[in-house]
Amino acid sequence: MKMQAAEIFCGVYVLALVCYSILIFNWVRHYGDRKNLHPFPIPAALERSSKSKANNRTVMASEVSAAVPILTNNENGTQSLLLTDAADGGEGIAPAVGNKHRTRRQQILDVCGDLCDLSRPIHTPNPDFGYFGETTSRINCPALFASTILDDPGNFTIPPKWSNVDASEEFIDDFRMGGRASVQEWWIQDMFLGKKAKVPHWKKETIDEWKEMTLRRDFTKFGNYQLIDRSTLYDVLVNVSRIQNQSVLVIGSESPWIEAIALAAGASKVTTLEYGNIVSEHPQVVTYTPDKFRRAYLDNTLEKFDAVISYSSLEHSGLGRYGDALNPWGDIMGVARAWCVTKQHATLTLGLSSGNDIVYFNAGRIYGKERWPYVTTNWKRVSYSSGWGKEVIDNAPKLYRRLRGPPGYEIFWNQSSLVFRRSGPPGSPDELTDASLLY
């Protein structure tokens, strides 16, 4: 009896499989042929007919065997689904490997244009104080602000590590500047893009107290970094940048130490751009998140600034440490946006870690002869003595500060406040032709 029951069960099971297979075959033949669809149904939102640049043909969904849906953000705030072809090189197409990041790479380059071409020629117009060269580029300001590509949060819950970055070979090579910069892993998690800043409430009393301490040259009890950093920044703002009675933009500030120093140096107003949300009680200090800053530019409600200050901030842009999406040109595009919102001949006071060209992923970048010219595109360096010169780049291990870095590494670096004047491509209205402004 048991053998008969088993045989009956097996027979019924085989018969059910045959019937199910026939049903599926008929469905695919009927619907697949009639609608010209992939053998398995694709949502109607993913059906598209696009012209391929490669061979100018219409690509139907039935032809895309390795199709990958991508959710894209439109400028009006809506979202669209696109179907990409892993085998085609046409518009809107991306390979299956690293598809997400390669698609983002194409979007970044569409917005960035010539600015992100790091093969642009570098010139050293004045070897007496050039130390590193300079370069120029056309900058499409409306495109930089119309797109959210620079402000997008990363598609991750914790920042990625270099060892497992899901990127195409081209994307990885962009971080390495085509082999001119090295990449070493030093992973830090500081995600607060779109959230509250580390110090979300800036009290008027605190800023005024730090301002008065600066005027007394008491730099011992406030702000970040070392005493020498704060005192040098103040001296540079007073004597070189000369921001007295000027409206100043500060890029990146976890606590209002730069703002207090700028007010002590005579700034009439300070506007801070920071990843996290900050509430300022001080009437001379206003704050923006990147998205609000972008929208203010598009609404024509953002003023033009006389000066820009950024200290140990931009070197983190595009590395994902603070929750921002990966962007090998994030620092360069950030400075370019500052160029877009400044007046003719405005100053840029920039404090970046300087040494050999290295990306410590995701902690930050070290800037050397290769990266410095590109991050300061369309800015000319002002000559002054700040203890930072050619010998610092050439002899980094001897002269730089020593900082314990990732396991197995010690970083030699120098973080000085360098000052630049706004300029532009030769022959353009933005070109700085008055050499006296550089001394």
Protein backbone atom coordinates (compact mmCIF):
# COMPACT_ATOMS: atom_id res chain seq x y z
CA MET A 1 0.00 0.00 0.00
CA LYS A 2 2.81 2.44 0.83
CA MET A 3 4.52 1.78 -2.52
CA GLN A 4 1.26 2.38 -4.42
CA ALA A 5 0.63 5.64 -2.55
CA ALA A 6 4.14 6.87 -3.31
CA GLU A 7 3.77 6.01 -7.01
CA ILE A 8 0.41 7.84 -7.18
CA PHE A 9 1.89 10.93 -5.47
CA CYS A 10 4.85 11.03 -7.87
CA GLY A 11 2.60 10.68 -10.85
CA VAL A 12 0.36 13.53 -9.74
CA TYR A 13 3.42 15.73 -9.04
CA VAL A 14 4.90 15.09 -12.51
CA LEU A 15 1.53 15.76 -14.15
CA ALA A 16 1.24 19.10 -12.28
CA LEU A 17 4.72 20.17 -13.43
CA VAL A 18 3.86 19.35 -17.07
CA CYS A 19 0.62 21.34 -16.88
CA TYR A 20 2.37 24.33 -15.27
CA SER A 21 5.10 24.28 -17.93
CA ILE A 22 2.52 24.25 -20.72
CA LEU A 23 0.71 27.18 -19.08
CA ILE A 24 3.90 29.24 -18.82
CA PHE A 25 4.91 28.41 -22.40
CA ASN A 26 1.54 29.55 -23.77
CA TRP A 27 1.61 32.75 -21.70
CA VAL A 28 5.09 33.69 -22.89
CA ARG A 29 4.23 32.89 -26.53
CA HIS A 30 1.01 34.88 -26.40
CA TYR A 31 2.04 37.93 -24.40
CA GLY A 32 5.74 38.04 -25.24
CA ASP A 33 5.16 37.94 -29.01
CA ARG A 34 2.17 40.27 -28.91
CA LYS A 35 3.81 42.99 -26.82
CA ASN A 36 7.43 42.47 -27.91
CA LEU A 37 8.43 42.22 -24.26
CA HIS A 38 11.18 40.46 -22.39
CA PRO A 39 9.98 36.84 -21.60
CA PHE A 40 9.27 38.06 -18.07
CA PRO A 41 7.06 41.10 -17.60
CA ILE A 42 8.74 44.51 -17.21
CA PRO A 43 6.71 47.33 -15.60
CA ALA A 44 5.32 49.76 -18.14
CA ALA A 45 7.27 52.59 -16.50
CA LEU A 46 10.47 50.87 -17.59
CA GLU A 47 9.52 50.55 -21.24
CA ARG A 48 11.36 53.11 -23.29
CA SER A 49 12.39 53.75 -26.84
CA SER A 50 15.61 55.73 -26.93
CA LYS A 51 18.05 56.65 -29.66
CA SER A 52 21.50 55.21 -29.12
CA LYS A 53 24.43 57.47 -29.98
CA ALA A 54 26.51 54.45 -30.91
CA ASN A 55 24.42 53.29 -33.91
CA ASN A 56 21.38 55.60 -33.97
CA ARG A 57 18.90 52.78 -33.57
CA THR A 58 15.84 52.37 -31.39
CA VAL A 59 16.50 50.20 -28.34
CA MET A 60 13.45 48.25 -27.21
CA ALA A 61 13.10 46.57 -23.84
CA SER A 62 13.04 43.17 -25.53
CA GLU A 63 16.60 43.77 -26.77
CA VAL A 64 18.01 44.60 -23.34
CA SER A 65 19.00 41.30 -21.78
CA ALA A 66 21.07 42.94 -19.04
CA ALA A 67 18.74 45.87 -18.43
CA VAL A 68 19.06 47.63 -15.08
CA PRO A 69 16.44 50.09 -13.80
CA ILE A 70 17.80 53.35 -12.41
CA LEU A 71 15.83 55.87 -10.37
CA THR A 72 16.85 59.39 -11.36
CA ASN A 73 16.03 62.74 -9.74
CA ASN A 74 14.58 65.42 -11.97
CA GLU A 75 15.19 69.13 -11.42
CA ASN A 76 11.50 69.74 -10.62
CA GLY A 77 11.69 67.40 -7.65
CA THR A 78 10.06 64.41 -9.35
CA GLN A 79 11.71 61.09 -10.10
CA SER A 80 11.89 58.98 -13.24
CA LEU A 81 12.77 55.38 -13.98
CA LEU A 82 15.25 54.73 -16.77
CA LEU A 83 16.22 51.43 -18.31
CA THR A 84 19.93 51.15 -19.01
CA ASP A 85 21.63 48.72 -21.34
CA ALA A 86 24.79 47.04 -20.13
CA ALA A 87 26.05 46.42 -23.64
CA ASP A 88 25.35 49.75 -25.31
CA GLY A 89 27.45 52.91 -25.06
CA GLY A 90 24.74 55.39 -25.99
CA GLU A 91 23.08 58.18 -24.06
CA GLY A 92 21.81 57.17 -20.64
CA ILE A 93 23.59 53.84 -20.92
CA ALA A 94 25.82 52.29 -18.28
CA PRO A 95 27.62 48.96 -17.90
CA ALA A 96 26.36 46.36 -15.48
CA VAL A 97 29.56 46.44 -13.38
CA GLY A 98 29.52 49.48 -11.11
CA ASN A 99 26.36 50.62 -12.89
CA LYS A 100 25.17 52.94 -10.14
CA HIS A 101 28.45 54.84 -9.84
CA ARG A 102 29.20 54.95 -13.54
CA THR A 103 25.79 56.50 -14.18
CA ARG A 104 26.53 59.03 -11.45
CA ARG A 105 29.92 59.66 -13.04
CA GLN A 106 28.29 60.53 -16.34
CA GLN A 107 25.86 62.86 -14.58
CA ILE A 108 28.69 64.61 -12.71
CA LEU A 109 30.69 65.15 -15.88
CA ASP A 110 27.63 66.49 -17.71
CA VAL A 111 27.27 69.17 -15.02
CA CYS A 112 30.97 69.78 -14.45
CA GLY A 113 32.16 69.98 -18.05
CA ASP A 114 35.69 71.32 -18.61
CA LEU A 115 36.11 71.98 -14.89
CA CYS A 116 36.50 68.25 -14.17
CA ASP A 117 39.03 67.73 -16.93
CA LEU A 118 42.17 67.23 -14.86
CA SER A 119 44.35 67.15 -17.95
CA ARG A 120 43.98 70.92 -18.35
CA PRO A 121 47.37 72.66 -18.67
CA ILE A 122 48.96 74.07 -15.52
CA HIS A 123 50.94 77.31 -15.66
CA THR A 124 53.40 78.78 -13.18
CA PRO A 125 53.31 82.52 -13.97
CA ASN A 126 55.52 83.68 -11.11
CA PRO A 127 58.07 81.20 -9.74
CA ASP A 128 58.93 83.61 -6.91
CA PHE A 129 55.76 82.70 -5.06
CA GLY A 130 53.97 80.18 -7.27
CA TYR A 131 55.22 77.03 -5.49
CA PHE A 132 52.50 75.24 -7.42
CA GLY A 133 50.92 76.23 -10.72
CA GLU A 134 47.52 77.59 -11.62
CA THR A 135 44.91 76.73 -14.21
CA THR A 136 41.69 78.17 -15.61
CA SER A 137 38.46 76.78 -16.98
CA ARG A 138 35.04 77.74 -18.15
CA ILE A 139 32.60 77.29 -15.26
CA ASN A 140 28.90 76.74 -15.97
CA CYS A 141 27.45 78.31 -12.81
CA PRO A 142 23.76 77.74 -13.68
CA ALA A 143 24.46 74.04 -14.27
CA LEU A 144 26.42 73.69 -11.02
CA PHE A 145 23.50 75.05 -9.04
CA ALA A 146 20.59 73.66 -11.05
CA SER A 147 21.78 70.11 -10.42
CA THR A 148 21.70 68.45 -7.00
CA ILE A 149 24.62 66.22 -7.98
CA LEU A 150 27.00 67.99 -5.58
CA ASP A 151 24.56 67.88 -2.66
CA ASP A 152 23.16 64.36 -2.99
CA PRO A 153 23.36 62.12 0.08
CA GLY A 154 25.11 58.81 -0.40
CA ASN A 155 23.13 55.65 -1.00
CA PHE A 156 24.53 53.94 2.09
CA THR A 157 23.79 53.63 5.79
CA ILE A 158 27.46 53.82 6.79
CA PRO A 159 30.25 55.43 4.72
CA PRO A 160 31.95 53.06 2.29
CA LYS A 161 35.53 51.90 2.65
CA TRP A 162 37.98 52.08 -0.22
CA SER A 163 38.48 48.32 -0.13
CA ASN A 164 34.83 47.72 -0.96
CA VAL A 165 33.83 50.79 -2.97
CA ASP A 166 31.32 49.65 -5.60
CA ALA A 167 32.68 51.73 -8.47
CA SER A 168 33.71 51.22 -12.05
CA GLU A 169 37.38 51.23 -13.02
CA GLU A 170 36.99 54.74 -14.45
CA PHE A 171 35.52 56.02 -11.18
CA ILE A 172 38.36 54.57 -9.14
CA ASP A 173 40.89 56.06 -11.54
CA ASP A 174 39.30 59.51 -11.07
CA PHE A 175 40.09 59.43 -7.34
CA ARG A 176 43.67 58.53 -8.27
CA MET A 177 43.87 61.36 -10.81
CA GLY A 178 44.97 58.89 -13.44
CA GLY A 179 47.85 57.67 -11.29
CA ARG A 180 49.10 61.09 -10.15
CA ALA A 181 47.69 60.62 -6.64
CA SER A 182 47.73 57.58 -4.40
CA VAL A 183 44.85 56.21 -2.34
CA GLN A 184 45.21 54.73 1.12
CA GLU A 185 42.42 53.64 3.40
CA TRP A 186 41.65 55.63 6.55
CA TRP A 187 38.00 55.17 7.39
CA ILE A 188 35.99 57.57 9.58
CA GLN A 189 32.23 57.77 10.14
CA ASP A 190 30.85 61.29 10.65
CA MET A 191 27.51 61.12 8.85
CA PHE A 192 25.31 64.15 9.46
CA LEU A 193 24.41 65.47 6.00
CA GLY A 194 20.89 66.89 6.27
CA LYS A 195 20.82 66.27 10.03
CA LYS A 196 21.78 68.49 12.94
CA ALA A 197 25.36 69.74 12.91
CA LYS A 198 27.77 68.67 15.64
CA VAL A 199 27.14 72.05 17.29
CA PRO A 200 23.62 72.83 16.04
CA HIS A 201 22.94 75.90 18.19
CA TRP A 202 25.26 78.90 17.92
CA LYS A 203 24.63 81.35 20.75
CA LYS A 204 25.34 85.06 20.33
CA GLU A 205 27.16 85.15 23.66
CA THR A 206 29.56 82.40 22.58
CA ILE A 207 30.45 84.03 19.27
CA ASP A 208 30.92 87.44 20.89
CA GLU A 209 33.12 85.93 23.61
CA TRP A 210 35.35 84.20 21.04
CA LYS A 211 35.51 87.42 19.03
CA GLU A 212 36.72 89.36 22.06
CA MET A 213 39.27 86.67 22.88
CA THR A 214 40.59 86.93 19.31
CA LEU A 215 40.96 90.69 19.61
CA ARG A 216 43.01 90.10 22.80
CA ARG A 217 45.00 87.45 20.87
CA ASP A 218 43.89 84.80 23.31
CA PHE A 219 43.48 81.73 21.08
CA THR A 220 43.85 79.10 23.80
CA LYS A 221 40.32 78.21 24.81
CA PHE A 222 38.05 78.07 21.80
CA GLY A 223 37.56 76.48 18.43
CA ASN A 224 39.11 73.56 16.66
CA TYR A 225 42.70 72.83 15.60
CA GLN A 226 45.82 74.24 17.19
CA LEU A 227 46.56 77.68 18.56
CA ILE A 228 48.89 78.43 15.65
CA ASP A 229 46.09 77.68 13.17
CA ARG A 230 43.72 80.16 14.81
CA SER A 231 46.27 82.91 15.27
CA THR A 232 47.62 82.56 11.71
CA LEU A 233 44.14 82.62 10.23
CA TYR A 234 43.35 85.85 12.07
CA ASP A 235 46.57 87.52 10.91
CA VAL A 236 45.96 86.45 7.32
CA LEU A 237 42.37 87.73 7.33
CA VAL A 238 43.49 91.11 8.70
CA ASN A 239 46.66 91.67 6.70
CA VAL A 240 46.29 89.70 3.47
CA SER A 241 42.64 88.94 2.75
CA ARG A 242 41.67 92.27 4.32
CA ILE A 243 38.03 91.43 4.96
CA GLN A 244 37.21 94.59 6.92
CA ASN A 245 33.60 95.67 6.22
CA GLN A 246 33.11 92.75 3.85
CA SER A 247 30.44 90.07 3.50
CA VAL A 248 32.15 86.71 3.94
CA LEU A 249 31.15 83.16 2.99
CA VAL A 250 32.49 80.37 5.23
CA ILE A 251 32.44 76.85 3.74
CA GLY A 252 32.34 74.16 6.41
CA SER A 253 32.24 74.96 10.12
CA GLU A 254 31.32 72.57 12.92
CA SER A 255 31.55 75.31 15.55
CA PRO A 256 31.63 79.11 15.03
CA TRP A 257 35.36 79.61 15.60
CA ILE A 258 36.03 80.81 12.02
CA GLU A 259 32.98 83.06 12.20
CA ALA A 260 34.19 84.65 15.45
CA ILE A 261 37.68 85.23 13.99
CA ALA A 262 36.18 86.72 10.82
CA LEU A 263 34.06 89.16 12.85
CA ALA A 264 37.13 90.09 14.89
CA ALA A 265 38.97 90.74 11.61
CA GLY A 266 36.26 93.25 10.68
CA ALA A 267 33.77 91.30 8.56
CA SER A 268 30.37 92.98 8.46
CA LYS A 269 28.47 89.73 7.88
CA VAL A 270 29.31 86.02 7.82
CA THR A 271 27.32 83.39 5.92
CA THR A 272 28.13 79.77 6.78
CA LEU A 273 27.54 76.81 4.47
CA GLU A 274 27.53 73.52 6.38
CA TYR A 275 26.24 69.96 5.85
CA GLY A 276 24.26 69.90 9.10
CA ASN A 277 21.44 72.20 10.18
CA ILE A 278 22.57 75.08 12.39
CA VAL A 279 20.55 77.74 14.20
CA SER A 280 22.50 80.97 14.72
CA GLU A 281 21.38 83.58 17.25
CA HIS A 282 23.99 86.09 16.15
CA PRO A 283 22.62 88.89 13.92
CA GLN A 284 25.81 88.98 11.84
CA VAL A 285 25.97 85.21 11.25
CA VAL A 286 23.53 83.33 9.02
CA THR A 287 23.69 79.66 8.06
CA TYR A 288 22.72 77.52 5.07
CA THR A 289 22.64 73.82 4.30
CA PRO A 290 23.82 72.93 0.78
CA ASP A 291 20.29 72.46 -0.54
CA LYS A 292 19.04 75.79 0.83
CA PHE A 293 22.15 77.52 -0.51
CA ARG A 294 21.55 76.06 -3.96
CA ARG A 295 17.90 77.09 -3.97
CA ALA A 296 18.76 80.63 -2.87
CA TYR A 297 21.11 80.96 -5.83
CA LEU A 298 18.43 79.71 -8.22
CA ASP A 299 15.88 82.11 -6.68
CA ASN A 300 18.29 85.05 -7.06
CA THR A 301 18.05 85.69 -3.32
CA LEU A 302 21.69 84.83 -2.60
CA GLU A 303 24.03 87.79 -2.33
CA LYS A 304 27.44 88.08 -3.95
CA PHE A 305 30.24 87.74 -1.42
CA ASP A 306 33.42 89.80 -1.04
CA ALA A 307 35.45 86.94 0.39
CA VAL A 308 35.39 83.18 1.02
CA ILE A 309 37.01 81.28 3.89
CA SER A 310 37.30 77.51 4.14
CA TYR A 311 39.55 75.73 6.60
CA SER A 312 39.99 71.95 6.62
CA SER A 313 36.61 71.32 5.06
CA LEU A 314 36.69 70.97 1.28
CA GLU A 315 39.22 68.13 1.34
CA HIS A 316 36.43 65.88 2.62
CA SER A 317 33.93 66.64 -0.17
CA GLY A 318 32.84 63.65 -2.20
CA LEU A 319 34.48 60.98 -0.01
CA GLY A 320 31.30 59.91 1.79
CA ARG A 321 32.61 60.54 5.29
CA TYR A 322 29.81 62.94 6.18
CA GLY A 323 27.08 61.04 4.33
CA ASP A 324 27.62 62.78 0.99
CA ALA A 325 27.56 60.77 -2.23
CA LEU A 326 30.88 59.80 -3.76
CA ASN A 327 32.30 62.42 -6.13
CA PRO A 328 36.00 62.44 -7.13
CA TRP A 329 35.68 66.14 -8.05
CA GLY A 330 33.61 67.24 -5.03
CA ASP A 331 36.27 69.62 -3.70
CA ILE A 332 36.88 71.20 -7.11
CA MET A 333 33.17 71.71 -7.76
CA GLY A 334 32.71 73.16 -4.26
CA VAL A 335 35.34 75.84 -4.85
CA ALA A 336 33.83 76.50 -8.29
CA ARG A 337 30.45 77.18 -6.70
CA ALA A 338 32.15 79.67 -4.40
CA TRP A 339 33.63 81.34 -7.49
CA CYS A 340 30.11 81.64 -8.88
CA VAL A 341 28.79 83.55 -5.85
CA THR A 342 31.68 85.99 -5.35
CA LYS A 343 32.31 89.49 -6.64
CA GLN A 344 35.04 90.49 -9.07
CA HIS A 345 38.49 90.24 -7.42
CA ALA A 346 37.08 88.58 -4.29
CA THR A 347 39.52 86.74 -2.03
CA LEU A 348 39.58 83.04 -1.17
CA THR A 349 41.33 82.08 2.07
CA LEU A 350 41.84 78.36 1.89
CA GLY A 351 43.28 76.01 4.49
CA LEU A 352 43.92 72.53 3.08
CA SER A 353 46.24 69.77 4.19
CA SER A 354 49.28 70.04 1.96
CA GLY A 355 51.91 67.47 1.15
CA ASN A 356 52.21 64.69 -1.38
CA ASP A 357 49.03 64.06 -3.37
CA ILE A 358 47.19 61.38 -1.41
CA VAL A 359 43.56 60.48 -0.82
CA TYR A 360 43.07 58.98 2.62
CA PHE A 361 39.74 57.37 1.94
CA ASN A 362 37.44 58.48 3.43
CA ALA A 363 39.17 60.75 5.98
CA GLY A 364 40.33 63.44 3.55
CA ARG A 365 42.70 64.50 0.80
CA ILE A 366 46.29 65.74 1.04
CA TYR A 367 47.06 68.35 -1.63
CA GLY A 368 50.31 68.53 -3.54
CA LYS A 369 51.56 69.89 -6.83
CA GLU A 370 48.99 67.90 -8.80
CA ARG A 371 45.74 68.75 -6.98
CA TRP A 372 46.33 72.32 -5.71
CA PRO A 373 46.06 73.97 -9.17
CA TYR A 374 42.77 72.23 -9.99
CA VAL A 375 41.03 72.86 -6.68
CA THR A 376 41.85 76.59 -7.10
CA THR A 377 40.78 76.80 -10.75
CA ASN A 378 40.23 80.46 -11.78
CA TRP A 379 41.91 81.78 -8.62
CA LYS A 380 45.36 83.42 -8.51
CA ARG A 381 47.52 83.06 -5.45
CA VAL A 382 48.44 86.15 -3.43
CA SER A 383 52.07 86.40 -2.34
CA TYR A 384 52.86 86.59 1.35
CA SER A 385 55.06 84.94 3.95
CA SER A 386 53.24 82.34 6.02
CA GLY A 387 55.91 79.74 6.65
CA TRP A 388 54.73 77.73 3.66
CA GLY A 389 56.89 77.46 0.58
CA LYS A 390 58.35 75.25 -2.07
CA GLU A 391 60.56 73.44 0.42
CA VAL A 392 57.48 72.27 2.31
CA ILE A 393 56.23 70.33 -0.69
CA ASP A 394 59.65 68.97 -1.67
CA ASN A 395 60.68 67.91 1.84
CA ALA A 396 57.41 66.90 3.44
CA PRO A 397 58.77 64.26 5.87
CA LYS A 398 61.29 66.76 7.29
CA LEU A 399 59.16 69.86 7.68
CA TYR A 400 55.53 68.81 8.01
CA ARG A 401 53.72 68.29 11.24
CA ARG A 402 53.58 64.65 12.19
CA LEU A 403 50.11 63.24 12.70
CA ARG A 404 49.23 59.68 13.56
CA GLY A 405 46.98 58.46 10.79
CA PRO A 406 45.47 55.09 9.87
CA PRO A 407 47.07 51.92 11.24
CA GLY A 408 50.56 51.55 9.86
CA TYR A 409 50.85 55.13 8.62
CA GLU A 410 52.11 58.45 9.87
CA ILE A 411 51.00 61.52 7.91
CA PHE A 412 53.31 64.46 7.31
CA TRP A 413 51.35 67.52 6.41
CA ASN A 414 51.11 71.29 6.60
CA GLN A 415 47.89 73.25 6.97
CA SER A 416 48.42 76.92 6.24
CA SER A 417 45.98 79.63 5.23
CA LEU A 418 46.69 80.47 1.59
CA VAL A 419 45.00 83.46 -0.06
CA PHE A 420 43.84 83.72 -3.67
CA ARG A 421 42.18 86.37 -5.84
CA ARG A 422 39.26 85.61 -8.09
CA SER A 423 40.17 85.49 -11.76
CA GLY A 424 39.07 83.69 -14.91
CA PRO A 425 40.18 82.33 -18.29
CA PRO A 426 42.44 84.61 -20.36
CA GLY A 427 40.46 87.21 -22.25
CA SER A 428 37.29 86.68 -20.22
CA PRO A 429 35.62 89.48 -18.23
CA ASP A 430 36.64 87.65 -15.03
CA GLU A 431 40.37 87.61 -15.78
CA LEU A 432 42.43 89.38 -13.13
CA THR A 433 44.77 91.76 -14.96
CA ASP A 434 45.78 94.08 -12.10
CA ALA A 435 48.93 92.42 -10.79
CA SER A 436 49.07 94.80 -7.83
CA LEU A 437 46.18 92.86 -6.28
CA LEU A 438 48.46 89.84 -5.90
CA TYR A 439 51.02 91.55 -3.63
